[in-house]
PDB file of N, CA and C in Angstrom:
ATOM      1  N   MET A   1      37.429 242.078 130.745  1.00  0.00           N
ATOM      2  CA  MET A   1      38.024 240.977 130.022  1.00  0.00           C
ATOM      3  C   MET A   1      37.489 240.943 128.598  1.00  0.00           C
ATOM      4  N   ASP A   2      38.360 240.700 127.656  1.00  0.00           N
ATOM      5  CA  ASP A   2      37.885 240.515 126.284  1.00  0.00           C
ATOM      6  C   ASP A   2      37.754 239.020 126.009  1.00  0.00           C
ATOM      7  N   ASP A   3      37.256 238.691 124.827  1.00  0.00           N
ATOM      8  CA  ASP A   3      36.998 237.289 124.496  1.00  0.00           C
ATOM      9  C   ASP A   3      38.256 236.417 124.602  1.00  0.00           C
ATOM     10  N   LYS A   4      39.391 236.932 124.148  1.00  0.00           N
ATOM     11  CA  LYS A   4      40.632 236.155 124.197  1.00  0.00           C
ATOM     12  C   LYS A   4      41.036 235.857 125.640  1.00  0.00           C
ATOM     13  N   GLU A   5      40.885 236.840 126.519  1.00  0.00           N
ATOM     14  CA  GLU A   5      41.230 236.639 127.922  1.00  0.00           C
ATOM     15  C   GLU A   5      40.294 235.616 128.571  1.00  0.00           C
ATOM     16  N   ILE A   6      39.020 235.682 128.221  1.00  0.00           N
ATOM     17  CA  ILE A   6      38.060 234.720 128.764  1.00  0.00           C
ATOM     18  C   ILE A   6      38.402 233.311 128.284  1.00  0.00           C
ATOM     19  N   LEU A   7      38.704 233.168 126.998  1.00  0.00           N
ATOM     20  CA  LEU A   7      39.062 231.843 126.467  1.00  0.00           C
ATOM     21  C   LEU A   7      40.348 231.313 127.092  1.00  0.00           C
ATOM     22  N   ALA A   8      41.305 232.197 127.353  1.00  0.00           N
ATOM     23  CA  ALA A   8      42.542 231.778 128.016  1.00  0.00           C
ATOM     24  C   ALA A   8      42.245 231.311 129.437  1.00  0.00           C
ATOM     25  N   ARG A   9      41.362 232.018 130.117  1.00  0.00           N
ATOM     26  CA  ARG A   9      40.970 231.626 131.482  1.00  0.00           C
ATOM     27  C   ARG A   9      40.268 230.264 131.463  1.00  0.00           C
ATOM     28  N   ILE A  10      39.388 230.066 130.485  1.00  0.00           N
ATOM     29  CA  ILE A  10      38.695 228.782 130.350  1.00  0.00           C
ATOM     30  C   ILE A  10      39.707 227.664 130.132  1.00  0.00           C
ATOM     31  N   SER A  11      40.673 227.901 129.272  1.00  0.00           N
ATOM     32  CA  SER A  11      41.704 226.899 129.000  1.00  0.00           C
ATOM     33  C   SER A  11      42.468 226.546 130.275  1.00  0.00           C
ATOM     34  N   GLY A  12      42.828 227.556 131.048  1.00  0.00           N
ATOM     35  CA  GLY A  12      43.540 227.325 132.298  1.00  0.00           C
ATOM     36  C   GLY A  12      42.704 226.544 133.304  1.00  0.00           C
ATOM     37  N   LEU A  13      41.422 226.872 133.381  1.00  0.00           N
ATOM     38  CA  LEU A  13      40.529 226.167 134.304  1.00  0.00           C
ATOM     39  C   LEU A  13      40.323 224.717 133.885  1.00  0.00           C
ATOM     40  N   MET A  14      40.276 224.474 132.591  1.00  0.00           N
ATOM     41  CA  MET A  14      40.130 223.097 132.110  1.00  0.00           C
ATOM     42  C   MET A  14      41.384 222.286 132.450  1.00  0.00           C
ATOM     43  N   GLU A  15      42.544 222.909 132.342  1.00  0.00           N
ATOM     44  CA  GLU A  15      43.792 222.231 132.707  1.00  0.00           C
ATOM     45  C   GLU A  15      43.813 221.939 134.208  1.00  0.00           C
ATOM     46  N   THR A  16      43.347 222.890 135.007  1.00  0.00           N
ATOM     47  CA  THR A  16      43.257 222.679 136.448  1.00  0.00           C
ATOM     48  C   THR A  16      42.357 221.497 136.763  1.00  0.00           C
ATOM     49  N   GLU A  17      41.231 221.419 136.066  1.00  0.00           N
ATOM     50  CA  GLU A  17      40.304 220.306 136.272  1.00  0.00           C
ATOM     51  C   GLU A  17      40.975 218.969 135.945  1.00  0.00           C
ATOM     52  N   ARG A  18      41.704 218.912 134.836  1.00  0.00           N
ATOM     53  CA  ARG A  18      42.415 217.687 134.457  1.00  0.00           C
ATOM     54  C   ARG A  18      43.457 217.305 135.517  1.00  0.00           C
ATOM     55  N   GLU A  19      44.198 218.301 136.007  1.00  0.00           N
ATOM     56  CA  GLU A  19      45.218 218.037 137.021  1.00  0.00           C
ATOM     57  C   GLU A  19      44.592 217.500 138.311  1.00  0.00           C
ATOM     58  N   LEU A  20      43.466 218.084 138.708  1.00  0.00           N
ATOM     59  CA  LEU A  20      42.796 217.614 139.924  1.00  0.00           C
ATOM     60  C   LEU A  20      42.339 216.169 139.779  1.00  0.00           C
ATOM     61  N   ARG A  21      41.798 215.845 138.634  1.00  0.00           N
ATOM     62  CA  ARG A  21      41.353 214.469 138.411  1.00  0.00           C
ATOM     63  C   ARG A  21      42.539 213.499 138.395  1.00  0.00           C
ATOM     64  N   ALA A  22      43.673 213.928 137.843  1.00  0.00           N
ATOM     65  CA  ALA A  22      44.876 213.088 137.824  1.00  0.00           C
ATOM     66  C   ALA A  22      45.417 212.893 139.240  1.00  0.00           C
ATOM     67  N   GLU A  23      45.413 213.972 140.052  1.00  0.00           N
ATOM     68  CA  GLU A  23      45.872 213.865 141.434  1.00  0.00           C
ATOM     69  C   GLU A  23      44.995 212.899 142.216  1.00  0.00           C
ATOM     70  N   LEU A  24      43.705 212.936 141.976  1.00  0.00           N
ATOM     71  CA  LEU A  24      42.793 212.028 142.654  1.00  0.00           C
ATOM     72  C   LEU A  24      43.083 210.585 142.240  1.00  0.00           C
ATOM     73  N   ALA A  25      43.284 210.372 140.950  1.00  0.00           N
ATOM     74  CA  ALA A  25      43.557 209.029 140.451  1.00  0.00           C
ATOM     75  C   ALA A  25      44.879 208.476 141.000  1.00  0.00           C
ATOM     76  N   ASP A  26      45.861 209.353 141.207  1.00  0.00           N
ATOM     77  CA  ASP A  26      47.164 208.934 141.731  1.00  0.00           C
ATOM     78  C   ASP A  26      47.185 208.810 143.251  1.00  0.00           C
ATOM     79  N   GLY A  27      46.088 209.155 143.886  1.00  0.00           N
ATOM     80  CA  GLY A  27      46.013 209.073 145.338  1.00  0.00           C
ATOM     81  C   GLY A  27      46.682 210.219 146.059  1.00  0.00           C
ATOM     82  N   ARG A  28      47.009 211.290 145.343  1.00  0.00           N
ATOM     83  CA  ARG A  28      47.654 212.449 145.972  1.00  0.00           C
ATOM     84  C   ARG A  28      46.637 213.427 146.547  1.00  0.00           C
ATOM     85  N   LEU A  29      45.361 213.146 146.354  1.00  0.00           N
ATOM     86  CA  LEU A  29      44.320 214.070 146.771  1.00  0.00           C
ATOM     87  C   LEU A  29      43.141 213.275 147.312  1.00  0.00           C
ATOM     88  N   SER A  30      42.646 213.678 148.460  1.00  0.00           N
ATOM     89  CA  SER A  30      41.488 212.972 149.005  1.00  0.00           C
ATOM     90  C   SER A  30      40.238 213.337 148.207  1.00  0.00           C
ATOM     91  N   SER A  31      39.260 212.519 148.282  1.00  0.00           N
ATOM     92  CA  SER A  31      38.016 212.772 147.562  1.00  0.00           C
ATOM     93  C   SER A  31      37.384 214.090 147.984  1.00  0.00           C
ATOM     94  N   GLU A  32      37.399 214.404 149.286  1.00  0.00           N
ATOM     95  CA  GLU A  32      36.785 215.640 149.769  1.00  0.00           C
ATOM     96  C   GLU A  32      37.545 216.863 149.255  1.00  0.00           C
ATOM     97  N   GLN A  33      38.878 216.805 149.312  1.00  0.00           N
ATOM     98  CA  GLN A  33      39.679 217.912 148.789  1.00  0.00           C
ATOM     99  C   GLN A  33      39.406 218.111 147.306  1.00  0.00           C
ATOM    100  N   GLU A  34      39.383 217.017 146.576  1.00  0.00           N
ATOM    101  CA  GLU A  34      39.165 217.096 145.130  1.00  0.00           C
ATOM    102  C   GLU A  34      37.804 217.686 144.834  1.00  0.00           C
ATOM    103  N   ARG A  35      36.799 217.266 145.566  1.00  0.00           N
ATOM    104  CA  ARG A  35      35.445 217.783 145.320  1.00  0.00           C
ATOM    105  C   ARG A  35      35.370 219.279 145.547  1.00  0.00           C
ATOM    106  N   GLU A  36      35.982 219.760 146.633  1.00  0.00           N
ATOM    107  CA  GLU A  36      35.964 221.197 146.926  1.00  0.00           C
ATOM    108  C   GLU A  36      36.689 221.994 145.847  1.00  0.00           C
ATOM    109  N   ARG A  37      37.882 221.555 145.485  1.00  0.00           N
ATOM    110  CA  ARG A  37      38.664 222.273 144.479  1.00  0.00           C
ATOM    111  C   ARG A  37      38.028 222.156 143.099  1.00  0.00           C
ATOM    112  N   LEU A  38      37.517 220.974 142.781  1.00  0.00           N
ATOM    113  CA  LEU A  38      36.874 220.761 141.495  1.00  0.00           C
ATOM    114  C   LEU A  38      35.606 221.606 141.383  1.00  0.00           C
ATOM    115  N   ARG A  39      34.838 221.675 142.440  1.00  0.00           N
ATOM    116  CA  ARG A  39      33.612 222.482 142.454  1.00  0.00           C
ATOM    117  C   ARG A  39      33.946 223.946 142.192  1.00  0.00           C
ATOM    118  N   SER A  40      34.995 224.432 142.799  1.00  0.00           N
ATOM    119  CA  SER A  40      35.416 225.811 142.605  1.00  0.00           C
ATOM    120  C   SER A  40      35.797 226.059 141.137  1.00  0.00           C
ATOM    121  N   ALA A  41      36.538 225.121 140.552  1.00  0.00           N
ATOM    122  CA  ALA A  41      36.938 225.249 139.144  1.00  0.00           C
ATOM    123  C   ALA A  41      35.720 225.194 138.228  1.00  0.00           C
ATOM    124  N   GLU A  42      34.767 224.312 138.538  1.00  0.00           N
ATOM    125  CA  GLU A  42      33.559 224.199 137.716  1.00  0.00           C
ATOM    126  C   GLU A  42      32.728 225.477 137.775  1.00  0.00           C
ATOM    127  N   GLU A  43      32.610 226.084 138.957  1.00  0.00           N
ATOM    128  CA  GLU A  43      31.858 227.325 139.091  1.00  0.00           C
ATOM    129  C   GLU A  43      32.513 228.443 138.279  1.00  0.00           C
ATOM    130  N   ALA A  44      33.836 228.508 138.354  1.00  0.00           N
ATOM    131  CA  ALA A  44      34.559 229.527 137.596  1.00  0.00           C
ATOM    132  C   ALA A  44      34.380 229.299 136.090  1.00  0.00           C
ATOM    133  N   LEU A  45      34.392 228.035 135.667  1.00  0.00           N
ATOM    134  CA  LEU A  45      34.157 227.725 134.251  1.00  0.00           C
ATOM    135  C   LEU A  45      32.763 228.165 133.811  1.00  0.00           C
ATOM    136  N   ASP A  46      31.755 227.868 134.637  1.00  0.00           N
ATOM    137  CA  ASP A  46      30.383 228.281 134.317  1.00  0.00           C
ATOM    138  C   ASP A  46      30.296 229.792 134.139  1.00  0.00           C
ATOM    139  N   GLN A  47      30.954 230.527 135.047  1.00  0.00           N
ATOM    140  CA  GLN A  47      30.916 231.982 134.968  1.00  0.00           C
ATOM    141  C   GLN A  47      31.614 232.494 133.706  1.00  0.00           C
ATOM    142  N   CYS A  48      32.736 231.879 133.366  1.00  0.00           N
ATOM    143  CA  CYS A  48      33.459 232.301 132.159  1.00  0.00           C
ATOM    144  C   CYS A  48      32.633 232.039 130.897  1.00  0.00           C
ATOM    145  N   TRP A  49      32.039 230.840 130.809  1.00  0.00           N
ATOM    146  CA  TRP A  49      31.216 230.527 129.639  1.00  0.00           C
ATOM    147  C   TRP A  49      30.039 231.495 129.546  1.00  0.00           C
ATOM    148  N   ASP A  50      29.416 231.798 130.684  1.00  0.00           N
ATOM    149  CA  ASP A  50      28.279 232.718 130.702  1.00  0.00           C
ATOM    150  C   ASP A  50      28.704 234.105 130.219  1.00  0.00           C
ATOM    151  N   LEU A  51      29.825 234.578 130.723  1.00  0.00           N
ATOM    152  CA  LEU A  51      30.317 235.892 130.319  1.00  0.00           C
ATOM    153  C   LEU A  51      30.620 235.926 128.824  1.00  0.00           C
ATOM    154  N   LEU A  52      31.228 234.874 128.317  1.00  0.00           N
ATOM    155  CA  LEU A  52      31.533 234.792 126.890  1.00  0.00           C
ATOM    156  C   LEU A  52      30.241 234.811 126.062  1.00  0.00           C
ATOM    157  N   ARG A  53      29.227 234.053 126.497  1.00  0.00           N
ATOM    158  CA  ARG A  53      27.935 234.047 125.795  1.00  0.00           C
ATOM    159  C   ARG A  53      27.303 235.432 125.799  1.00  0.00           C
ATOM    160  N   GLN A  54      27.346 236.091 126.946  1.00  0.00           N
ATOM    161  CA  GLN A  54      26.778 237.434 127.043  1.00  0.00           C
ATOM    162  C   GLN A  54      27.471 238.398 126.074  1.00  0.00           C
ATOM    163  N   ARG A  55      28.799 238.345 126.057  1.00  0.00           N
ATOM    164  CA  ARG A  55      29.558 239.243 125.185  1.00  0.00           C
ATOM    165  C   ARG A  55      29.219 239.000 123.716  1.00  0.00           C
ATOM    166  N   ARG A  56      29.136 237.737 123.333  1.00  0.00           N
ATOM    167  CA  ARG A  56      28.830 237.419 121.935  1.00  0.00           C
ATOM    168  C   ARG A  56      27.409 237.833 121.570  1.00  0.00           C
ATOM    169  N   ALA A  57      26.459 237.628 122.487  1.00  0.00           N
ATOM    170  CA  ALA A  57      25.077 238.029 122.224  1.00  0.00           C
ATOM    171  C   ALA A  57      24.973 239.548 122.098  1.00  0.00           C
ATOM    172  N   ARG A  58      25.625 240.277 122.952  1.00  0.00           N
ATOM    173  CA  ARG A  58      25.596 241.743 122.884  1.00  0.00           C
ATOM    174  C   ARG A  58      26.195 242.233 121.562  1.00  0.00           C
ATOM    175  N   ARG A  59      27.303 241.624 121.190  1.00  0.00           N
ATOM    176  CA  ARG A  59      27.946 242.013 119.932  1.00  0.00           C
ATOM    177  C   ARG A  59      27.016 241.733 118.755  1.00  0.00           C
ATOM    178  N   GLU A  60      26.352 240.587 118.780  1.00  0.00           N
ATOM    179  CA  GLU A  60      25.437 240.203 117.700  1.00  0.00           C
ATOM    180  C   GLU A  60      24.290 241.192 117.548  1.00  0.00           C
ATOM    181  N   PHE A  61      23.834 241.756 118.658  1.00  0.00           N
ATOM    182  CA  PHE A  61      22.718 242.689 118.609  1.00  0.00           C
ATOM    183  C   PHE A  61      23.160 244.149 118.602  1.00  0.00           C
ATOM    184  N   GLY A  62      24.438 244.368 118.307  1.00  0.00           N
ATOM    185  CA  GLY A  62      24.949 245.718 118.147  1.00  0.00           C
ATOM    186  C   GLY A  62      25.154 246.472 119.444  1.00  0.00           C
ATOM    187  N   GLU A  63      25.263 245.754 120.547  1.00  0.00           N
ATOM    188  CA  GLU A  63      25.491 246.395 121.838  1.00  0.00           C
ATOM    189  C   GLU A  63      26.965 246.286 122.219  1.00  0.00           C
ATOM    190  N   ASP A  64      27.347 247.026 123.222  1.00  0.00           N
ATOM    191  CA  ASP A  64      28.723 247.013 123.708  1.00  0.00           C
ATOM    192  C   ASP A  64      28.980 245.733 124.500  1.00  0.00           C
ATOM    193  N   PRO A  65      29.863 244.857 124.020  1.00  0.00           N
ATOM    194  CA  PRO A  65      30.123 243.604 124.741  1.00  0.00           C
ATOM    195  C   PRO A  65      30.783 243.825 126.097  1.00  0.00           C
ATOM    196  N   ASP A  66      31.417 244.981 126.294  1.00  0.00           N
ATOM    197  CA  ASP A  66      32.081 245.249 127.567  1.00  0.00           C
ATOM    198  C   ASP A  66      31.084 245.511 128.692  1.00  0.00           C
ATOM    199  N   ALA A  67      29.798 245.637 128.351  1.00  0.00           N
ATOM    200  CA  ALA A  67      28.774 245.831 129.379  1.00  0.00           C
ATOM    201  C   ALA A  67      28.346 244.500 130.005  1.00  0.00           C
ATOM    202  N   ALA A  68      28.827 243.389 129.451  1.00  0.00           N
ATOM    203  CA  ALA A  68      28.501 242.076 130.014  1.00  0.00           C
ATOM    204  C   ALA A  68      29.128 241.966 131.405  1.00  0.00           C
ATOM    205  N   GLU A  69      28.419 241.301 132.315  1.00  0.00           N
ATOM    206  CA  GLU A  69      28.892 241.177 133.692  1.00  0.00           C
ATOM    207  C   GLU A  69      28.959 239.727 134.116  1.00  0.00           C
ATOM    208  N   SER A  70      29.859 239.466 135.020  1.00  0.00           N
ATOM    209  CA  SER A  70      29.946 238.135 135.607  1.00  0.00           C
ATOM    210  C   SER A  70      28.764 237.945 136.546  1.00  0.00           C
ATOM    211  N   ARG A  71      28.087 236.824 136.427  1.00  0.00           N
ATOM    212  CA  ARG A  71      26.934 236.542 137.288  1.00  0.00           C
ATOM    213  C   ARG A  71      27.373 235.645 138.435  1.00  0.00           C
ATOM    214  N   PRO A  72      26.619 235.643 139.532  1.00  0.00           N
ATOM    215  CA  PRO A  72      26.969 234.767 140.663  1.00  0.00           C
ATOM    216  C   PRO A  72      26.982 233.299 140.239  1.00  0.00           C
ATOM    217  N   ALA A  73      27.861 232.541 140.858  1.00  0.00           N
ATOM    218  CA  ALA A  73      27.995 231.121 140.515  1.00  0.00           C
ATOM    219  C   ALA A  73      26.664 230.386 140.641  1.00  0.00           C
ATOM    220  N   ALA A  74      25.896 230.701 141.671  1.00  0.00           N
ATOM    221  CA  ALA A  74      24.605 230.015 141.882  1.00  0.00           C
ATOM    222  C   ALA A  74      23.652 230.242 140.717  1.00  0.00           C
ATOM    223  N   GLU A  75      23.793 231.377 140.057  1.00  0.00           N
ATOM    224  CA  GLU A  75      22.909 231.691 138.937  1.00  0.00           C
ATOM    225  C   GLU A  75      23.297 230.943 137.661  1.00  0.00           C
ATOM    226  N   VAL A  76      24.569 230.683 137.489  1.00  0.00           N
ATOM    227  CA  VAL A  76      25.020 230.092 136.229  1.00  0.00           C
ATOM    228  C   VAL A  76      25.425 228.625 136.339  1.00  0.00           C
ATOM    229  N   GLU A  77      25.494 228.108 137.573  1.00  0.00           N
ATOM    230  CA  GLU A  77      25.935 226.718 137.716  1.00  0.00           C
ATOM    231  C   GLU A  77      24.956 225.789 137.012  1.00  0.00           C
ATOM    232  N   GLY A  78      25.503 224.789 136.416  1.00  0.00           N
ATOM    233  CA  GLY A  78      24.673 223.815 135.725  1.00  0.00           C
ATOM    234  C   GLY A  78      24.346 224.197 134.300  1.00  0.00           C
ATOM    235  N   TYR A  79      24.805 225.336 133.838  1.00  0.00           N
ATOM    236  CA  TYR A  79      24.588 225.673 132.435  1.00  0.00           C
ATOM    237  C   TYR A  79      25.210 224.579 131.573  1.00  0.00           C
ATOM    238  N   GLN A  80      24.555 224.209 130.527  1.00  0.00           N
ATOM    239  CA  GLN A  80      25.158 223.239 129.620  1.00  0.00           C
ATOM    240  C   GLN A  80      26.153 223.961 128.733  1.00  0.00           C
ATOM    241  N   GLN A  81      27.318 223.362 128.579  1.00  0.00           N
ATOM    242  CA  GLN A  81      28.384 224.011 127.803  1.00  0.00           C
ATOM    243  C   GLN A  81      28.152 223.880 126.340  1.00  0.00           C
TER     244      GLN A  81
END
């Protein structure tokens, strides 16, 4: 993935998060369903942000940004955006 693809994925995940919150507010989604789906979207967002940071750091230090790898969700969850 290049930076543009990662940013597009982030945008899509943010829209998914907004939709889930709207469904919950409208009563179309139970709290448990929303939490599971929202958690999945948040983990994917954390991974995308981490990958983007890695790519930018590698580029800054003259390394190949394509060597950046997606890390496990448990490793990147809770990163501040």
